[in-house]
Protein backbone atom coordinates (compact mmCIF):
# COMPACT_ATOMS: atom_id res chain seq x y z
CA UNK A 1 0.00 0.00 0.00
CA UNK A 2 2.81 2.35 0.83
CA UNK A 3 4.39 2.08 -2.64
CA UNK A 4 1.01 2.62 -4.32
CA UNK A 5 0.35 5.61 -2.07
CA UNK A 6 3.71 7.18 -2.93
CA UNK A 7 3.07 6.57 -6.64
CA UNK A 8 -0.33 8.33 -6.29
CA UNK A 9 -2.28 5.21 -7.30
CA UNK A 10 -3.72 3.97 -3.98
CA UNK A 11 -6.90 2.69 -5.65
CA UNK A 12 -4.73 -0.12 -7.08
CA UNK A 13 -4.66 -1.51 -3.53
CA UNK A 14 -8.39 -2.32 -3.61
CA UNK A 15 -9.17 -6.03 -3.86
CA UNK A 16 -10.18 -6.95 -7.40
CA UNK A 17 -13.14 -8.98 -6.11
CA UNK A 18 -14.87 -5.71 -5.20
CA UNK A 19 -17.04 -4.58 -8.07
CA UNK A 20 -16.75 -1.01 -9.34
CA UNK A 21 -19.58 0.98 -7.83
CA UNK A 22 -19.93 -1.27 -4.77
CA UNK A 23 -17.87 1.14 -2.68
CA UNK A 24 -17.34 4.87 -2.34
CA UNK A 25 -13.84 5.69 -3.60
CA UNK A 26 -13.31 8.64 -1.25
CA UNK A 27 -14.14 6.45 1.77
CA UNK A 28 -11.74 3.72 0.61
CA UNK A 29 -8.96 6.29 0.10
CA UNK A 30 -9.60 7.72 3.55
CA UNK A 31 -9.38 4.25 5.14
CA UNK A 32 -6.11 3.52 3.31
CA UNK A 33 -4.76 6.91 4.41
CA UNK A 34 -5.73 6.29 8.05
CA UNK A 35 -4.23 2.79 7.91
CA UNK A 36 -0.92 4.22 6.71
CA UNK A 37 -0.98 6.77 9.52
CA UNK A 38 -1.38 3.90 12.01
CA UNK A 39 1.83 2.14 10.89
CA UNK A 40 4.21 5.10 10.82
CA UNK A 41 7.74 4.44 11.99
CA UNK A 42 7.69 6.67 15.07
CA UNK A 43 5.00 5.70 17.61
CA UNK A 44 4.40 9.35 18.51
CA UNK A 45 3.40 10.01 14.88
CA UNK A 46 0.69 7.32 14.99
CA UNK A 47 -2.86 8.40 15.83
CA UNK A 48 -4.59 7.25 19.00
CA UNK A 49 -7.72 5.12 18.70
CA UNK A 50 -9.79 8.19 19.60
CA UNK A 51 -8.12 10.10 16.76
CA UNK A 52 -8.75 7.21 14.35
CA UNK A 53 -12.44 7.23 15.28
CA UNK A 54 -12.63 10.98 14.70
CA UNK A 55 -10.81 10.62 11.35
CA UNK A 56 -13.22 7.89 10.25
CA UNK A 57 -16.33 9.88 11.15
CA UNK A 58 -15.34 13.32 9.89
CA UNK A 59 -14.19 15.01 6.71
CA UNK A 60 -11.21 16.71 8.33
CA UNK A 61 -7.94 16.98 6.44
CA UNK A 62 -5.54 14.16 7.30
CA UNK A 63 -1.79 14.61 7.73
CA UNK A 64 0.49 12.96 5.17
CA UNK A 65 1.71 9.57 6.33
CA UNK A 66 5.43 9.04 6.72
CA UNK A 67 7.19 5.81 5.82
CA UNK A 68 5.78 2.83 7.74
CA UNK A 69 7.76 1.00 10.40
CA UNK A 70 8.58 -1.78 7.95
CA UNK A 71 8.29 -2.55 4.27
CA UNK A 72 8.24 -6.17 3.20
CA UNK A 73 9.26 -7.68 -0.10
CA UNK A 74 7.98 -11.19 -0.76
CA UNK A 75 10.11 -13.84 -2.36
CA UNK A 76 9.86 -17.63 -2.66
CA UNK A 77 11.97 -20.04 -0.69
CA UNK A 78 13.37 -23.09 -2.54
CA UNK A 79 10.52 -25.05 -4.13
CA UNK A 80 12.07 -28.45 -3.47
CA UNK A 81 12.76 -27.99 0.23
CA UNK A 82 9.80 -25.79 1.20
CA UNK A 83 7.00 -25.95 -1.37
CA UNK A 84 4.43 -23.21 -0.89
CA UNK A 85 6.54 -21.30 1.62
CA UNK A 86 7.17 -17.62 1.20
CA UNK A 87 9.65 -15.42 3.01
CA UNK A 88 9.38 -11.70 3.63
CA UNK A 89 12.50 -9.56 3.59
CA UNK A 90 11.96 -6.51 5.77
CA UNK A 91 13.75 -3.39 4.62
CA UNK A 92 14.71 -2.49 8.16
CA UNK A 93 16.40 -5.91 8.52
CA UNK A 94 14.84 -6.44 11.97
CA UNK A 95 13.57 -9.95 11.29
CA UNK A 96 12.70 -12.50 8.70
CA UNK A 97 9.64 -14.72 8.84
CA UNK A 98 8.65 -17.86 7.03
CA UNK A 99 4.91 -18.13 6.51
CA UNK A 100 3.43 -21.60 6.39
CA UNK A 101 -0.03 -22.28 4.97
CA UNK A 102 -2.55 -23.93 7.29
PDB file of N, CA and C in Angstrom:
ATOM      1  N   UNK A   1       0.825  -1.188   0.000  1.00  0.00           N
ATOM      2  CA  UNK A   1       0.000   0.000   0.000  1.00  0.00           C
ATOM      3  C   UNK A   1       0.876   1.262   0.000  1.00  0.00           C
ATOM      4  N   UNK A   2       1.964   1.139   0.734  1.00  0.00           N
ATOM      5  CA  UNK A   2       2.814   2.346   0.826  1.00  0.00           C
ATOM      6  C   UNK A   2       3.346   2.748  -0.531  1.00  0.00           C
ATOM      7  N   UNK A   3       3.826   1.787  -1.313  1.00  0.00           N
ATOM      8  CA  UNK A   3       4.386   2.080  -2.640  1.00  0.00           C
ATOM      9  C   UNK A   3       3.297   2.686  -3.527  1.00  0.00           C
ATOM     10  N   UNK A   4       2.116   2.101  -3.505  1.00  0.00           N
ATOM     11  CA  UNK A   4       1.014   2.619  -4.321  1.00  0.00           C
ATOM     12  C   UNK A   4       0.616   4.023  -3.888  1.00  0.00           C
ATOM     13  N   UNK A   5       0.668   4.276  -2.582  1.00  0.00           N
ATOM     14  CA  UNK A   5       0.351   5.614  -2.071  1.00  0.00           C
ATOM     15  C   UNK A   5       1.361   6.628  -2.583  1.00  0.00           C
ATOM     16  N   UNK A   6       2.656   6.274  -2.481  1.00  0.00           N
ATOM     17  CA  UNK A   6       3.711   7.179  -2.930  1.00  0.00           C
ATOM     18  C   UNK A   6       3.653   7.421  -4.433  1.00  0.00           C
ATOM     19  N   UNK A   7       3.181   6.428  -5.184  1.00  0.00           N
ATOM     20  CA  UNK A   7       3.066   6.570  -6.641  1.00  0.00           C
ATOM     21  C   UNK A   7       1.742   7.199  -7.045  1.00  0.00           C
ATOM     22  N   UNK A   8       0.963   7.654  -6.056  1.00  0.00           N
ATOM     23  CA  UNK A   8      -0.331   8.327  -6.287  1.00  0.00           C
ATOM     24  C   UNK A   8      -1.348   7.444  -7.003  1.00  0.00           C
ATOM     25  N   UNK A   9      -1.287   6.130  -6.738  1.00  0.00           N
ATOM     26  CA  UNK A   9      -2.279   5.213  -7.302  1.00  0.00           C
ATOM     27  C   UNK A   9      -2.811   4.274  -6.209  1.00  0.00           C
ATOM     28  N   UNK A  10      -3.288   4.832  -5.086  1.00  0.00           N
ATOM     29  CA  UNK A  10      -3.722   3.973  -3.984  1.00  0.00           C
ATOM     30  C   UNK A  10      -4.935   3.105  -4.310  1.00  0.00           C
ATOM     31  N   UNK A  11      -5.724   3.490  -5.295  1.00  0.00           N
ATOM     32  CA  UNK A  11      -6.897   2.689  -5.653  1.00  0.00           C
ATOM     33  C   UNK A  11      -6.494   1.321  -6.211  1.00  0.00           C
ATOM     34  N   UNK A  12      -5.235   1.169  -6.616  1.00  0.00           N
ATOM     35  CA  UNK A  12      -4.729  -0.120  -7.085  1.00  0.00           C
ATOM     36  C   UNK A  12      -4.675  -1.124  -5.933  1.00  0.00           C
ATOM     37  N   UNK A  13      -4.738  -0.652  -4.706  1.00  0.00           N
ATOM     38  CA  UNK A  13      -4.664  -1.506  -3.525  1.00  0.00           C
ATOM     39  C   UNK A  13      -5.988  -2.225  -3.267  1.00  0.00           C
ATOM     40  N   UNK A  14      -7.061  -1.747  -3.839  1.00  0.00           N
ATOM     41  CA  UNK A  14      -8.386  -2.323  -3.611  1.00  0.00           C
ATOM     42  C   UNK A  14      -8.455  -3.723  -4.199  1.00  0.00           C
ATOM     43  N   UNK A  15      -9.025  -4.643  -3.429  1.00  0.00           N
ATOM     44  CA  UNK A  15      -9.169  -6.029  -3.860  1.00  0.00           C
ATOM     45  C   UNK A  15      -9.993  -6.089  -5.147  1.00  0.00           C
ATOM     46  N   UNK A  16      -9.514  -6.864  -6.100  1.00  0.00           N
ATOM     47  CA  UNK A  16     -10.183  -6.950  -7.404  1.00  0.00           C
ATOM     48  C   UNK A  16     -11.542  -7.639  -7.328  1.00  0.00           C
ATOM     49  N   UNK A  17     -11.826  -8.330  -6.217  1.00  0.00           N
ATOM     50  CA  UNK A  17     -13.136  -8.982  -6.107  1.00  0.00           C
ATOM     51  C   UNK A  17     -14.244  -7.968  -5.816  1.00  0.00           C
ATOM     52  N   UNK A  18     -13.873  -6.757  -5.411  1.00  0.00           N
ATOM     53  CA  UNK A  18     -14.874  -5.713  -5.195  1.00  0.00           C
ATOM     54  C   UNK A  18     -15.266  -5.116  -6.540  1.00  0.00           C
ATOM     55  N   UNK A  19     -16.543  -5.105  -6.798  1.00  0.00           N
ATOM     56  CA  UNK A  19     -17.037  -4.577  -8.068  1.00  0.00           C
ATOM     57  C   UNK A  19     -17.048  -3.054  -8.050  1.00  0.00           C
ATOM     58  N   UNK A  20     -16.695  -2.468  -9.180  1.00  0.00           N
ATOM     59  CA  UNK A  20     -16.745  -1.007  -9.340  1.00  0.00           C
ATOM     60  C   UNK A  20     -18.158  -0.550  -9.011  1.00  0.00           C
ATOM     61  N   UNK A  21     -18.270   0.466  -8.210  1.00  0.00           N
ATOM     62  CA  UNK A  21     -19.579   0.985  -7.826  1.00  0.00           C
ATOM     63  C   UNK A  21     -20.126   0.376  -6.548  1.00  0.00           C
ATOM     64  N   UNK A  22     -19.459  -0.658  -6.006  1.00  0.00           N
ATOM     65  CA  UNK A  22     -19.929  -1.273  -4.765  1.00  0.00           C
ATOM     66  C   UNK A  22     -19.311  -0.597  -3.537  1.00  0.00           C
ATOM     67  N   UNK A  23     -18.509   0.421  -3.768  1.00  0.00           N
ATOM     68  CA  UNK A  23     -17.873   1.141  -2.680  1.00  0.00           C
ATOM     69  C   UNK A  23     -17.742   2.605  -3.083  1.00  0.00           C
ATOM     70  N   UNK A  24     -17.528   3.443  -2.093  1.00  0.00           N
ATOM     71  CA  UNK A  24     -17.338   4.871  -2.339  1.00  0.00           C
ATOM     72  C   UNK A  24     -15.834   5.133  -2.309  1.00  0.00           C
ATOM     73  N   UNK A  25     -15.286   5.529  -3.440  1.00  0.00           N
ATOM     74  CA  UNK A  25     -13.842   5.695  -3.597  1.00  0.00           C
ATOM     75  C   UNK A  25     -13.227   6.597  -2.540  1.00  0.00           C
ATOM     76  N   UNK A  26     -13.879   7.707  -2.231  1.00  0.00           N
ATOM     77  CA  UNK A  26     -13.313   8.640  -1.249  1.00  0.00           C
ATOM     78  C   UNK A  26     -13.224   8.002   0.140  1.00  0.00           C
ATOM     79  N   UNK A  27     -14.178   7.139   0.479  1.00  0.00           N
ATOM     80  CA  UNK A  27     -14.136   6.455   1.774  1.00  0.00           C
ATOM     81  C   UNK A  27     -13.015   5.422   1.803  1.00  0.00           C
ATOM     82  N   UNK A  28     -12.819   4.718   0.701  1.00  0.00           N
ATOM     83  CA  UNK A  28     -11.744   3.725   0.614  1.00  0.00           C
ATOM     84  C   UNK A  28     -10.395   4.430   0.740  1.00  0.00           C
ATOM     85  N   UNK A  29     -10.215   5.531   0.018  1.00  0.00           N
ATOM     86  CA  UNK A  29      -8.964   6.293   0.098  1.00  0.00           C
ATOM     87  C   UNK A  29      -8.707   6.784   1.514  1.00  0.00           C
ATOM     88  N   UNK A  30      -9.749   7.225   2.174  1.00  0.00           N
ATOM     89  CA  UNK A  30      -9.597   7.716   3.546  1.00  0.00           C
ATOM     90  C   UNK A  30      -9.168   6.575   4.478  1.00  0.00           C
ATOM     91  N   UNK A  31      -9.751   5.406   4.307  1.00  0.00           N
ATOM     92  CA  UNK A  31      -9.381   4.253   5.136  1.00  0.00           C
ATOM     93  C   UNK A  31      -7.937   3.833   4.885  1.00  0.00           C
ATOM     94  N   UNK A  32      -7.503   3.843   3.632  1.00  0.00           N
ATOM     95  CA  UNK A  32      -6.109   3.522   3.313  1.00  0.00           C
ATOM     96  C   UNK A  32      -5.188   4.546   3.959  1.00  0.00           C
ATOM     97  N   UNK A  33      -5.547   5.806   3.839  1.00  0.00           N
ATOM     98  CA  UNK A  33      -4.755   6.906   4.410  1.00  0.00           C
ATOM     99  C   UNK A  33      -4.619   6.736   5.925  1.00  0.00           C
ATOM    100  N   UNK A  34      -5.741   6.465   6.600  1.00  0.00           N
ATOM    101  CA  UNK A  34      -5.725   6.289   8.050  1.00  0.00           C
ATOM    102  C   UNK A  34      -4.897   5.063   8.425  1.00  0.00           C
ATOM    103  N   UNK A  35      -5.028   3.991   7.655  1.00  0.00           N
ATOM    104  CA  UNK A  35      -4.233   2.794   7.912  1.00  0.00           C
ATOM    105  C   UNK A  35      -2.744   3.076   7.831  1.00  0.00           C
ATOM    106  N   UNK A  36      -2.341   3.867   6.847  1.00  0.00           N
ATOM    107  CA  UNK A  36      -0.922   4.223   6.710  1.00  0.00           C
ATOM    108  C   UNK A  36      -0.456   5.104   7.860  1.00  0.00           C
ATOM    109  N   UNK A  37      -1.337   5.951   8.352  1.00  0.00           N
ATOM    110  CA  UNK A  37      -0.977   6.772   9.517  1.00  0.00           C
ATOM    111  C   UNK A  37      -0.748   5.891  10.751  1.00  0.00           C
ATOM    112  N   UNK A  38      -1.466   4.786  10.839  1.00  0.00           N
ATOM    113  CA  UNK A  38      -1.376   3.899  12.008  1.00  0.00           C
ATOM    114  C   UNK A  38      -0.112   3.046  12.035  1.00  0.00           C
ATOM    115  N   UNK A  39       0.617   2.970  10.922  1.00  0.00           N
ATOM    116  CA  UNK A  39       1.828   2.135  10.885  1.00  0.00           C
ATOM    117  C   UNK A  39       3.083   2.970  10.649  1.00  0.00           C
ATOM    118  N   UNK A  40       3.033   4.245  10.986  1.00  0.00           N
ATOM    119  CA  UNK A  40       4.206   5.097  10.816  1.00  0.00           C
ATOM    120  C   UNK A  40       5.345   4.626  11.718  1.00  0.00           C
ATOM    121  N   UNK A  41       6.549   4.914  11.307  1.00  0.00           N
ATOM    122  CA  UNK A  41       7.745   4.436  11.991  1.00  0.00           C
ATOM    123  C   UNK A  41       7.819   4.883  13.445  1.00  0.00           C
ATOM    124  N   UNK A  42       7.585   6.134  13.702  1.00  0.00           N
ATOM    125  CA  UNK A  42       7.685   6.665  15.066  1.00  0.00           C
ATOM    126  C   UNK A  42       6.333   6.566  15.767  1.00  0.00           C
ATOM    127  N   UNK A  43       6.268   5.880  16.892  1.00  0.00           N
ATOM    128  CA  UNK A  43       4.998   5.705  17.607  1.00  0.00           C
ATOM    129  C   UNK A  43       4.284   7.015  17.922  1.00  0.00           C
ATOM    130  N   UNK A  44       5.037   8.065  18.199  1.00  0.00           N
ATOM    131  CA  UNK A  44       4.398   9.351  18.509  1.00  0.00           C
ATOM    132  C   UNK A  44       3.698   9.963  17.302  1.00  0.00           C
ATOM    133  N   UNK A  45       4.047   9.502  16.092  1.00  0.00           N
ATOM    134  CA  UNK A  45       3.404  10.011  14.878  1.00  0.00           C
ATOM    135  C   UNK A  45       2.096   9.268  14.576  1.00  0.00           C
ATOM    136  N   UNK A  46       1.888   8.130  15.235  1.00  0.00           N
ATOM    137  CA  UNK A  46       0.692   7.319  14.989  1.00  0.00           C
ATOM    138  C   UNK A  46      -0.490   7.906  15.750  1.00  0.00           C
ATOM    139  N   UNK A  47      -1.674   7.865  15.136  1.00  0.00           N
ATOM    140  CA  UNK A  47      -2.856   8.395  15.825  1.00  0.00           C
ATOM    141  C   UNK A  47      -3.321   7.468  16.951  1.00  0.00           C
ATOM    142  N   UNK A  48      -3.964   8.051  17.946  1.00  0.00           N
ATOM    143  CA  UNK A  48      -4.589   7.253  19.002  1.00  0.00           C
ATOM    144  C   UNK A  48      -5.889   6.665  18.451  1.00  0.00           C
ATOM    145  N   UNK A  49      -6.455   5.712  19.158  1.00  0.00           N
ATOM    146  CA  UNK A  49      -7.719   5.123  18.697  1.00  0.00           C
ATOM    147  C   UNK A  49      -8.827   6.167  18.670  1.00  0.00           C
ATOM    148  N   UNK A  50      -8.801   7.101  19.602  1.00  0.00           N
ATOM    149  CA  UNK A  50      -9.787   8.189  19.602  1.00  0.00           C
ATOM    150  C   UNK A  50      -9.632   9.026  18.333  1.00  0.00           C
ATOM    151  N   UNK A  51      -8.377   9.320  17.976  1.00  0.00           N
ATOM    152  CA  UNK A  51      -8.116  10.100  16.762  1.00  0.00           C
ATOM    153  C   UNK A  51      -8.571   9.340  15.517  1.00  0.00           C
ATOM    154  N   UNK A  52      -8.326   8.027  15.498  1.00  0.00           N
ATOM    155  CA  UNK A  52      -8.753   7.213  14.349  1.00  0.00           C
ATOM    156  C   UNK A  52     -10.264   7.276  14.207  1.00  0.00           C
ATOM    157  N   UNK A  53     -10.976   7.152  15.302  1.00  0.00           N
ATOM    158  CA  UNK A  53     -12.438   7.231  15.275  1.00  0.00           C
ATOM    159  C   UNK A  53     -12.907   8.571  14.734  1.00  0.00           C
ATOM    160  N   UNK A  54     -12.277   9.640  15.180  1.00  0.00           N
ATOM    161  CA  UNK A  54     -12.634  10.977  14.701  1.00  0.00           C
ATOM    162  C   UNK A  54     -12.332  11.095  13.203  1.00  0.00           C
ATOM    163  N   UNK A  55     -11.177  10.567  12.776  1.00  0.00           N
ATOM    164  CA  UNK A  55     -10.811  10.622  11.353  1.00  0.00           C
ATOM    165  C   UNK A  55     -11.812   9.857  10.497  1.00  0.00           C
ATOM    166  N   UNK A  56     -12.285   8.718  11.010  1.00  0.00           N
ATOM    167  CA  UNK A  56     -13.222   7.895  10.248  1.00  0.00           C
ATOM    168  C   UNK A  56     -14.607   8.521  10.143  1.00  0.00           C
ATOM    169  N   UNK A  57     -14.969   9.330  11.120  1.00  0.00           N
ATOM    170  CA  UNK A  57     -16.326   9.883  11.152  1.00  0.00           C
ATOM    171  C   UNK A  57     -16.410  11.347  10.759  1.00  0.00           C
ATOM    172  N   UNK A  58     -15.310  11.913  10.291  1.00  0.00           N
ATOM    173  CA  UNK A  58     -15.336  13.322   9.890  1.00  0.00           C
ATOM    174  C   UNK A  58     -14.716  13.480   8.505  1.00  0.00           C
ATOM    175  N   UNK A  59     -14.797  14.688   8.003  1.00  0.00           N
ATOM    176  CA  UNK A  59     -14.193  15.009   6.710  1.00  0.00           C
ATOM    177  C   UNK A  59     -12.968  15.888   6.880  1.00  0.00           C
ATOM    178  N   UNK A  60     -12.367  15.854   8.067  1.00  0.00           N
ATOM    179  CA  UNK A  60     -11.207  16.705   8.328  1.00  0.00           C
ATOM    180  C   UNK A  60     -10.022  16.291   7.448  1.00  0.00           C
ATOM    181  N   UNK A  61      -9.142  17.244   7.225  1.00  0.00           N
ATOM    182  CA  UNK A  61      -7.939  16.977   6.441  1.00  0.00           C
ATOM    183  C   UNK A  61      -6.995  16.113   7.253  1.00  0.00           C
ATOM    184  N   UNK A  62      -6.447  15.082   6.617  1.00  0.00           N
ATOM    185  CA  UNK A  62      -5.538  14.164   7.298  1.00  0.00           C
ATOM    186  C   UNK A  62      -4.093  14.546   7.010  1.00  0.00           C
ATOM    187  N   UNK A  63      -3.204  14.337   7.981  1.00  0.00           N
ATOM    188  CA  UNK A  63      -1.787  14.606   7.729  1.00  0.00           C
ATOM    189  C   UNK A  63      -1.225  13.571   6.760  1.00  0.00           C
ATOM    190  N   UNK A  64      -0.144  13.916   6.087  1.00  0.00           N
ATOM    191  CA  UNK A  64       0.489  12.962   5.173  1.00  0.00           C
ATOM    192  C   UNK A  64       1.206  11.889   5.973  1.00  0.00           C
ATOM    193  N   UNK A  65       1.012  10.632   5.607  1.00  0.00           N
ATOM    194  CA  UNK A  65       1.714   9.573   6.325  1.00  0.00           C
ATOM    195  C   UNK A  65       3.188   9.541   5.953  1.00  0.00           C
ATOM    196  N   UNK A  66       3.998   9.236   6.953  1.00  0.00           N
ATOM    197  CA  UNK A  66       5.428   9.040   6.725  1.00  0.00           C
ATOM    198  C   UNK A  66       5.641   7.559   6.412  1.00  0.00           C
ATOM    199  N   UNK A  67       6.885   7.191   6.142  1.00  0.00           N
ATOM    200  CA  UNK A  67       7.187   5.807   5.824  1.00  0.00           C
ATOM    201  C   UNK A  67       6.793   4.897   6.985  1.00  0.00           C
ATOM    202  N   UNK A  68       6.177   3.746   6.672  1.00  0.00           N
ATOM    203  CA  UNK A  68       5.776   2.827   7.735  1.00  0.00           C
ATOM    204  C   UNK A  68       6.974   2.210   8.446  1.00  0.00           C
ATOM    205  N   UNK A  69       6.695   1.570   9.587  1.00  0.00           N
ATOM    206  CA  UNK A  69       7.759   0.997  10.395  1.00  0.00           C
ATOM    207  C   UNK A  69       8.515  -0.091   9.653  1.00  0.00           C
ATOM    208  N   UNK A  70       7.881  -0.785   8.747  1.00  0.00           N
ATOM    209  CA  UNK A  70       8.582  -1.777   7.948  1.00  0.00           C
ATOM    210  C   UNK A  70       7.957  -1.859   6.566  1.00  0.00           C
ATOM    211  N   UNK A  71       8.745  -2.264   5.624  1.00  0.00           N
ATOM    212  CA  UNK A  71       8.295  -2.545   4.266  1.00  0.00           C
ATOM    213  C   UNK A  71       8.757  -3.956   3.956  1.00  0.00           C
ATOM    214  N   UNK A  72       7.875  -4.781   3.460  1.00  0.00           N
ATOM    215  CA  UNK A  72       8.242  -6.170   3.198  1.00  0.00           C
ATOM    216  C   UNK A  72       8.213  -6.454   1.705  1.00  0.00           C
ATOM    217  N   UNK A  73       9.211  -7.199   1.270  1.00  0.00           N
ATOM    218  CA  UNK A  73       9.256  -7.677  -0.103  1.00  0.00           C
ATOM    219  C   UNK A  73       9.161  -9.191  -0.052  1.00  0.00           C
ATOM    220  N   UNK A  74       8.212  -9.757  -0.807  1.00  0.00           N
ATOM    221  CA  UNK A  74       7.978 -11.188  -0.764  1.00  0.00           C
ATOM    222  C   UNK A  74       8.840 -11.887  -1.797  1.00  0.00           C
ATOM    223  N   UNK A  75       9.409 -13.014  -1.405  1.00  0.00           N
ATOM    224  CA  UNK A  75      10.113 -13.842  -2.359  1.00  0.00           C
ATOM    225  C   UNK A  75       9.944 -15.298  -1.953  1.00  0.00           C
ATOM    226  N   UNK A  76      10.073 -16.214  -2.918  1.00  0.00           N
ATOM    227  CA  UNK A  76       9.862 -17.631  -2.663  1.00  0.00           C
ATOM    228  C   UNK A  76      11.107 -18.273  -2.095  1.00  0.00           C
ATOM    229  N   UNK A  77      10.885 -19.227  -1.236  1.00  0.00           N
ATOM    230  CA  UNK A  77      11.966 -20.036  -0.690  1.00  0.00           C
ATOM    231  C   UNK A  77      12.017 -21.284  -1.555  1.00  0.00           C
ATOM    232  N   UNK A  78      13.160 -21.920  -1.681  1.00  0.00           N
ATOM    233  CA  UNK A  78      13.367 -23.088  -2.541  1.00  0.00           C
ATOM    234  C   UNK A  78      12.165 -24.002  -2.661  1.00  0.00           C
ATOM    235  N   UNK A  79      11.712 -24.243  -3.875  1.00  0.00           N
ATOM    236  CA  UNK A  79      10.524 -25.049  -4.133  1.00  0.00           C
ATOM    237  C   UNK A  79      10.686 -26.483  -3.647  1.00  0.00           C
ATOM    238  N   UNK A  80      11.865 -27.055  -3.822  1.00  0.00           N
ATOM    239  CA  UNK A  80      12.066 -28.455  -3.466  1.00  0.00           C
ATOM    240  C   UNK A  80      12.014 -28.668  -1.958  1.00  0.00           C
ATOM    241  N   UNK A  81      12.672 -27.790  -1.212  1.00  0.00           N
ATOM    242  CA  UNK A  81      12.762 -27.986   0.234  1.00  0.00           C
ATOM    243  C   UNK A  81      11.548 -27.454   0.993  1.00  0.00           C
ATOM    244  N   UNK A  82      10.937 -26.404   0.503  1.00  0.00           N
ATOM    245  CA  UNK A  82       9.798 -25.789   1.195  1.00  0.00           C
ATOM    246  C   UNK A  82       8.705 -25.391   0.204  1.00  0.00           C
ATOM    247  N   UNK A  83       8.022 -26.334  -0.395  1.00  0.00           N
ATOM    248  CA  UNK A  83       6.999 -25.948  -1.369  1.00  0.00           C
ATOM    249  C   UNK A  83       5.892 -25.129  -0.713  1.00  0.00           C
ATOM    250  N   UNK A  84       5.509 -24.059  -1.381  1.00  0.00           N
ATOM    251  CA  UNK A  84       4.430 -23.207  -0.888  1.00  0.00           C
ATOM    252  C   UNK A  84       4.833 -22.230   0.200  1.00  0.00           C
ATOM    253  N   UNK A  85       6.088 -22.225   0.584  1.00  0.00           N
ATOM    254  CA  UNK A  85       6.543 -21.296   1.623  1.00  0.00           C
ATOM    255  C   UNK A  85       6.996 -19.996   0.976  1.00  0.00           C
ATOM    256  N   UNK A  86       6.727 -18.923   1.658  1.00  0.00           N
ATOM    257  CA  UNK A  86       7.170 -17.620   1.198  1.00  0.00           C
ATOM    258  C   UNK A  86       7.922 -16.955   2.329  1.00  0.00           C
ATOM    259  N   UNK A  87       8.890 -16.148   1.997  1.00  0.00           N
ATOM    260  CA  UNK A  87       9.651 -15.421   3.012  1.00  0.00           C
ATOM    261  C   UNK A  87       9.520 -13.941   2.719  1.00  0.00           C
ATOM    262  N   UNK A  88       9.462 -13.144   3.769  1.00  0.00           N
ATOM    263  CA  UNK A  88       9.380 -11.704   3.626  1.00  0.00           C
ATOM    264  C   UNK A  88      10.688 -11.095   4.093  1.00  0.00           C
ATOM    265  N   UNK A  89      11.268 -10.257   3.253  1.00  0.00           N
ATOM    266  CA  UNK A  89      12.498  -9.564   3.592  1.00  0.00           C
ATOM    267  C   UNK A  89      12.114  -8.161   4.007  1.00  0.00           C
ATOM    268  N   UNK A  90      12.324  -7.828   5.261  1.00  0.00           N
ATOM    269  CA  UNK A  90      11.963  -6.507   5.766  1.00  0.00           C
ATOM    270  C   UNK A  90      13.088  -5.534   5.482  1.00  0.00           C
ATOM    271  N   UNK A  91      12.728  -4.359   4.987  1.00  0.00           N
ATOM    272  CA  UNK A  91      13.749  -3.392   4.619  1.00  0.00           C
ATOM    273  C   UNK A  91      14.522  -2.874   5.812  1.00  0.00           C
ATOM    274  N   UNK A  92      13.961  -2.953   7.010  1.00  0.00           N
ATOM    275  CA  UNK A  92      14.714  -2.492   8.159  1.00  0.00           C
ATOM    276  C   UNK A  92      15.575  -3.607   8.761  1.00  0.00           C
ATOM    277  N   UNK A  93      15.555  -4.776   8.146  1.00  0.00           N
ATOM    278  CA  UNK A  93      16.403  -5.911   8.516  1.00  0.00           C
ATOM    279  C   UNK A  93      16.211  -6.352   9.966  1.00  0.00           C
ATOM    280  N   UNK A  94      15.061  -6.050  10.584  1.00  0.00           N
ATOM    281  CA  UNK A  94      14.841  -6.437  11.966  1.00  0.00           C
ATOM    282  C   UNK A  94      14.629  -7.940  12.090  1.00  0.00           C
ATOM    283  N   UNK A  95      13.837  -8.515  11.203  1.00  0.00           N
ATOM    284  CA  UNK A  95      13.569  -9.947  11.294  1.00  0.00           C
ATOM    285  C   UNK A  95      13.170 -10.497   9.944  1.00  0.00           C
ATOM    286  N   UNK A  96      13.160 -11.800   9.882  1.00  0.00           N
ATOM    287  CA  UNK A  96      12.703 -12.500   8.698  1.00  0.00           C
ATOM    288  C   UNK A  96      11.739 -13.568   9.169  1.00  0.00           C
ATOM    289  N   UNK A  97      10.649 -13.745   8.444  1.00  0.00           N
ATOM    290  CA  UNK A  97       9.644 -14.716   8.840  1.00  0.00           C
ATOM    291  C   UNK A  97       9.329 -15.647   7.694  1.00  0.00           C
ATOM    292  N   UNK A  98       9.119 -16.891   8.014  1.00  0.00           N
ATOM    293  CA  UNK A  98       8.654 -17.855   7.026  1.00  0.00           C
ATOM    294  C   UNK A  98       7.192 -18.101   7.328  1.00  0.00           C
ATOM    295  N   UNK A  99       6.332 -17.907   6.349  1.00  0.00           N
ATOM    296  CA  UNK A  99       4.908 -18.128   6.506  1.00  0.00           C
ATOM    297  C   UNK A  99       4.570 -19.514   5.988  1.00  0.00           C
ATOM    298  N   UNK A 100       3.831 -20.262   6.778  1.00  0.00           N
ATOM    299  CA  UNK A 100       3.430 -21.598   6.386  1.00  0.00           C
ATOM    300  C   UNK A 100       1.914 -21.633   6.250  1.00  0.00           C
ATOM    301  N   UNK A 101       1.408 -22.190   5.140  1.00  0.00           N
ATOM    302  CA  UNK A 101      -0.033 -22.276   4.973  1.00  0.00           C
ATOM    303  C   UNK A 101      -0.629 -23.255   5.980  1.00  0.00           C
ATOM    304  N   UNK A 102      -1.873 -23.041   6.325  1.00  0.00           N
ATOM    305  CA  UNK A 102      -2.548 -23.935   7.288  1.00  0.00           C
ATOM    306  C   UNK A 102      -3.052 -25.165   6.587  1.00  0.00           C
TER     307      UNK A 102
END
